[in-house]
Amino acid sequence: MIGPSSSHTAGAAKIASVGRKIAGRGFYRVDFDLHGSFASTYQGHGTDKALVAGIIGLDPSDEKIRDSFELAKKMNLDIHFHLKDLGDVHPNTVQIRLTYPGKIVSITGSSIGGGNILITQVDGVEMEYTMEYPLVIFQYTDCRGIISKITGYFSEHGYNIETIKTVRKDKEVSLLIELNKNIKEEALEELKEKHIFKKIMYIGKRSI
């Protein structure tokens, strides 16, 4: 860990790492909107290096965090930092915008102390995700019976659902499910093969 504060380094790296995990690879530009104390101390406390490290896939304990800017440059990533008031949120909050050909994906997260984080927004979907459990996000056009099919699949394959939440915008649905254990890769691939979903995003409990 670099810098004097785990909230500003380990937590920041974890938020960015979650962003990379959720959004997937293939982005060529990253914009970090820094709020509160992140905005006022990001250079002196090493938050900037930690965020870049997380977005390029480095572990929060990796010594190469100090060289994250150089590593990002070698990967041809266009990195930008902005100071921004994100409203009534935790002082250590960052919104990350990842630009791909033809789309932008955003993730908002807060470093809440001791290296712990809270993800509050993914691609416009509001949440309060603490990483206590593995999370699966299903995005699809509303259709009768989909939720029962998903929950039935998990039950049949030995997964317990800890929490479930739906976010609807017109006919588009984001279904957030926290599970009692990580999903096996083959199960995740089987779910992705079901053409009813526009997108499936997954964060394993120990993936960050």
Foldseek 3Di string as FASTA:
>chain_A
DFFDFLQLALLLLVQLLLVCQFVDDAFAEKEKAAAAPCLVCVVVRVSVLRNLCSNVPHHSPDPCSVVSVVVSVVVNHHYYYHYDHPDPDDNQKIKMWTHHVPDIWIWIKGRDGPSWIFTQDTRRDGDTDGLPFKKKKFKAFDDPPPVVVVVVLCVVVPKDWPDWDWDDDPRIIIIMTGIPADDDPVSVVVVVPPPRTPDMGIDGSPPD
